[in-house]
Amino acid sequence: MNPNNCMRRYRKEYWPELEMDLKKLLIEERSKGRRVSIVRIRLKAAETVNQNRITDFKGSTRWCFKFMKRHR
């Protein structure tokens, strides 16, 4: 295999609009020099889910860790 090819080692996200909103939040907070905790990410995700009426979203700790891994 070509070493320049990057393989996707994670599953594609189910809720891309949710993850983009959370990614924007992370970028804004980190640019201000603030830390973003897992609890804060999960609370913001729950708030966004309620606003967008997304169903079947649990927002577990495991989802949060995988979200952070997907978006570095």
N, C-alpha and C. Protein backbone atom coordinates (compact mmCIF):
# COMPACT_ATOMS: atom_id res chain seq x y z
N MET A 1 0.83 -1.18 0.00
CA MET A 1 0.00 0.00 0.00
C MET A 1 0.88 1.25 0.00
N ASN A 2 0.45 2.23 -0.71
CA ASN A 2 1.18 3.47 -0.79
C ASN A 2 1.16 4.18 0.57
N PRO A 3 2.32 4.54 1.14
CA PRO A 3 2.33 5.18 2.46
C PRO A 3 1.72 6.58 2.45
N ASN A 4 1.54 7.19 1.31
CA ASN A 4 0.94 8.52 1.24
C ASN A 4 -0.58 8.49 1.32
N ASN A 5 -1.16 7.32 1.09
CA ASN A 5 -2.61 7.18 1.20
C ASN A 5 -3.01 7.14 2.67
N CYS A 6 -4.04 7.84 2.97
CA CYS A 6 -4.53 7.86 4.34
C CYS A 6 -5.80 7.03 4.41
N MET A 7 -5.77 5.99 5.18
CA MET A 7 -6.94 5.13 5.30
C MET A 7 -7.86 5.68 6.38
N ARG A 8 -9.14 5.59 6.17
CA ARG A 8 -10.09 5.99 7.18
C ARG A 8 -10.20 4.86 8.20
N ARG A 9 -9.78 5.11 9.40
CA ARG A 9 -9.78 4.10 10.44
C ARG A 9 -10.91 4.30 11.43
N TYR A 10 -11.90 5.05 11.02
CA TYR A 10 -13.05 5.28 11.88
C TYR A 10 -14.30 5.30 11.02
N ARG A 11 -15.43 5.11 11.68
CA ARG A 11 -16.69 5.10 10.98
C ARG A 11 -17.13 6.53 10.69
N LYS A 12 -17.78 6.73 9.57
CA LYS A 12 -18.27 8.04 9.20
C LYS A 12 -19.35 8.48 10.19
N GLU A 13 -19.38 9.77 10.51
CA GLU A 13 -20.33 10.25 11.51
C GLU A 13 -21.76 10.17 11.01
N TYR A 14 -22.67 9.94 11.95
CA TYR A 14 -24.09 9.84 11.61
C TYR A 14 -24.74 11.22 11.52
N TRP A 15 -24.26 12.16 12.31
CA TRP A 15 -24.85 13.49 12.38
C TRP A 15 -23.80 14.54 12.02
N PRO A 16 -23.53 14.74 10.73
CA PRO A 16 -22.45 15.67 10.35
C PRO A 16 -22.72 17.11 10.75
N GLU A 17 -23.99 17.55 10.73
CA GLU A 17 -24.28 18.95 11.11
C GLU A 17 -24.03 19.16 12.60
N LEU A 18 -24.31 18.17 13.41
CA LEU A 18 -24.04 18.25 14.84
C LEU A 18 -22.55 18.34 15.09
N GLU A 19 -21.80 17.50 14.42
CA GLU A 19 -20.36 17.47 14.63
C GLU A 19 -19.68 18.74 14.13
N MET A 20 -20.20 19.33 13.06
CA MET A 20 -19.62 20.59 12.58
C MET A 20 -19.88 21.72 13.58
N ASP A 21 -21.08 21.76 14.18
CA ASP A 21 -21.37 22.77 15.19
C ASP A 21 -20.45 22.62 16.40
N LEU A 22 -20.25 21.39 16.83
CA LEU A 22 -19.37 21.15 17.97
C LEU A 22 -17.92 21.46 17.65
N LYS A 23 -17.52 21.18 16.43
CA LYS A 23 -16.14 21.48 16.02
C LYS A 23 -15.90 22.98 16.03
N LYS A 24 -16.90 23.76 15.57
CA LYS A 24 -16.79 25.22 15.61
C LYS A 24 -16.65 25.72 17.04
N LEU A 25 -17.43 25.13 17.95
CA LEU A 25 -17.35 25.50 19.36
C LEU A 25 -15.96 25.23 19.91
N LEU A 26 -15.42 24.06 19.60
CA LEU A 26 -14.08 23.71 20.08
C LEU A 26 -13.02 24.68 19.56
N ILE A 27 -13.11 25.01 18.29
CA ILE A 27 -12.12 25.92 17.70
C ILE A 27 -12.21 27.29 18.34
N GLU A 28 -13.44 27.80 18.55
CA GLU A 28 -13.62 29.12 19.18
C GLU A 28 -13.07 29.14 20.60
N GLU A 29 -13.42 28.13 21.38
CA GLU A 29 -12.99 28.09 22.77
C GLU A 29 -11.48 27.94 22.89
N ARG A 30 -10.90 27.10 22.07
CA ARG A 30 -9.45 26.89 22.15
C ARG A 30 -8.68 28.10 21.64
N SER A 31 -9.26 28.84 20.70
CA SER A 31 -8.58 30.05 20.23
C SER A 31 -8.56 31.13 21.32
N LYS A 32 -9.52 31.07 22.23
CA LYS A 32 -9.56 31.99 23.37
C LYS A 32 -8.69 31.52 24.52
N GLY A 33 -8.10 30.34 24.37
CA GLY A 33 -7.22 29.80 25.40
C GLY A 33 -7.96 29.04 26.49
N ARG A 34 -9.17 28.66 26.24
CA ARG A 34 -9.97 27.94 27.22
C ARG A 34 -9.92 26.44 26.97
N ARG A 35 -10.06 25.68 28.04
CA ARG A 35 -10.15 24.24 27.92
C ARG A 35 -11.60 23.86 27.70
N VAL A 36 -11.80 22.79 26.98
CA VAL A 36 -13.15 22.29 26.74
C VAL A 36 -13.23 20.88 27.29
N SER A 37 -14.09 20.69 28.27
CA SER A 37 -14.20 19.39 28.92
C SER A 37 -15.17 18.49 28.16
N ILE A 38 -15.11 17.22 28.49
CA ILE A 38 -16.01 16.25 27.89
C ILE A 38 -17.46 16.57 28.28
N VAL A 39 -17.64 16.99 29.51
CA VAL A 39 -18.98 17.33 29.98
C VAL A 39 -19.56 18.47 29.16
N ARG A 40 -18.75 19.47 28.90
CA ARG A 40 -19.21 20.63 28.12
C ARG A 40 -19.57 20.21 26.70
N ILE A 41 -18.77 19.35 26.10
CA ILE A 41 -19.06 18.88 24.74
C ILE A 41 -20.38 18.12 24.72
N ARG A 42 -20.57 17.25 25.71
CA ARG A 42 -21.80 16.46 25.76
C ARG A 42 -23.03 17.33 26.01
N LEU A 43 -22.90 18.35 26.87
CA LEU A 43 -24.03 19.25 27.12
C LEU A 43 -24.38 20.07 25.88
N LYS A 44 -23.37 20.56 25.20
CA LYS A 44 -23.60 21.32 23.97
C LYS A 44 -24.22 20.42 22.90
N ALA A 45 -23.78 19.18 22.83
CA ALA A 45 -24.35 18.23 21.86
C ALA A 45 -25.82 17.99 22.17
N ALA A 46 -26.16 17.81 23.44
CA ALA A 46 -27.56 17.59 23.81
C ALA A 46 -28.42 18.82 23.47
N GLU A 47 -27.86 20.00 23.69
CA GLU A 47 -28.58 21.23 23.34
C GLU A 47 -28.82 21.33 21.83
N THR A 48 -27.82 21.02 21.05
CA THR A 48 -27.93 21.07 19.60
C THR A 48 -28.91 20.01 19.08
N VAL A 49 -28.90 18.84 19.70
CA VAL A 49 -29.82 17.77 19.31
C VAL A 49 -31.26 18.22 19.53
N ASN A 50 -31.52 18.85 20.66
CA ASN A 50 -32.87 19.33 20.94
C ASN A 50 -33.32 20.41 19.97
N GLN A 51 -32.40 21.30 19.58
CA GLN A 51 -32.74 22.36 18.64
C GLN A 51 -33.02 21.82 17.25
N ASN A 52 -32.23 20.84 16.82
CA ASN A 52 -32.35 20.29 15.47
C ASN A 52 -33.29 19.10 15.39
N ARG A 53 -33.85 18.70 16.53
CA ARG A 53 -34.78 17.56 16.60
C ARG A 53 -34.19 16.28 16.00
N ILE A 54 -32.99 15.99 16.39
CA ILE A 54 -32.31 14.77 15.96
C ILE A 54 -32.75 13.64 16.88
N THR A 55 -33.08 12.50 16.29
CA THR A 55 -33.49 11.35 17.10
C THR A 55 -32.35 10.33 17.16
N ASP A 56 -32.44 9.42 18.08
CA ASP A 56 -31.48 8.32 18.24
C ASP A 56 -30.07 8.79 18.56
N PHE A 57 -29.94 9.88 19.28
CA PHE A 57 -28.63 10.36 19.70
C PHE A 57 -28.53 10.22 21.21
N LYS A 58 -27.48 9.53 21.68
CA LYS A 58 -27.32 9.33 23.11
C LYS A 58 -26.25 10.22 23.70
N GLY A 59 -25.22 10.54 22.96
CA GLY A 59 -24.17 11.42 23.45
C GLY A 59 -23.39 10.81 24.61
N SER A 60 -23.00 9.58 24.47
CA SER A 60 -22.27 8.89 25.53
C SER A 60 -20.83 9.40 25.62
N THR A 61 -20.17 8.98 26.67
CA THR A 61 -18.76 9.35 26.84
C THR A 61 -17.93 8.74 25.73
N ARG A 62 -18.27 7.54 25.33
CA ARG A 62 -17.54 6.88 24.23
C ARG A 62 -17.71 7.66 22.93
N TRP A 63 -18.93 8.13 22.64
CA TRP A 63 -19.15 8.94 21.44
C TRP A 63 -18.28 10.19 21.50
N CYS A 64 -18.19 10.80 22.67
CA CYS A 64 -17.41 12.03 22.82
C CYS A 64 -15.92 11.78 22.54
N PHE A 65 -15.38 10.70 23.08
CA PHE A 65 -13.98 10.38 22.82
C PHE A 65 -13.74 10.11 21.33
N LYS A 66 -14.67 9.41 20.70
CA LYS A 66 -14.51 9.14 19.27
C LYS A 66 -14.67 10.41 18.45
N PHE A 67 -15.55 11.31 18.88
CA PHE A 67 -15.69 12.61 18.22
C PHE A 67 -14.38 13.37 18.27
N MET A 68 -13.76 13.41 19.45
CA MET A 68 -12.50 14.13 19.58
C MET A 68 -11.40 13.47 18.75
N LYS A 69 -11.42 12.16 18.66
CA LYS A 69 -10.42 11.45 17.85
C LYS A 69 -10.62 11.75 16.36
N ARG A 70 -11.90 11.78 15.92
CA ARG A 70 -12.19 12.05 14.51
C ARG A 70 -11.74 13.45 14.11
N HIS A 71 -11.88 14.39 15.01
CA HIS A 71 -11.60 15.80 14.69
C HIS A 71 -10.31 16.30 15.31
N ARG A 72 -9.52 15.42 15.81
CA ARG A 72 -8.21 15.72 16.38
C ARG A 72 -8.28 16.84 17.41
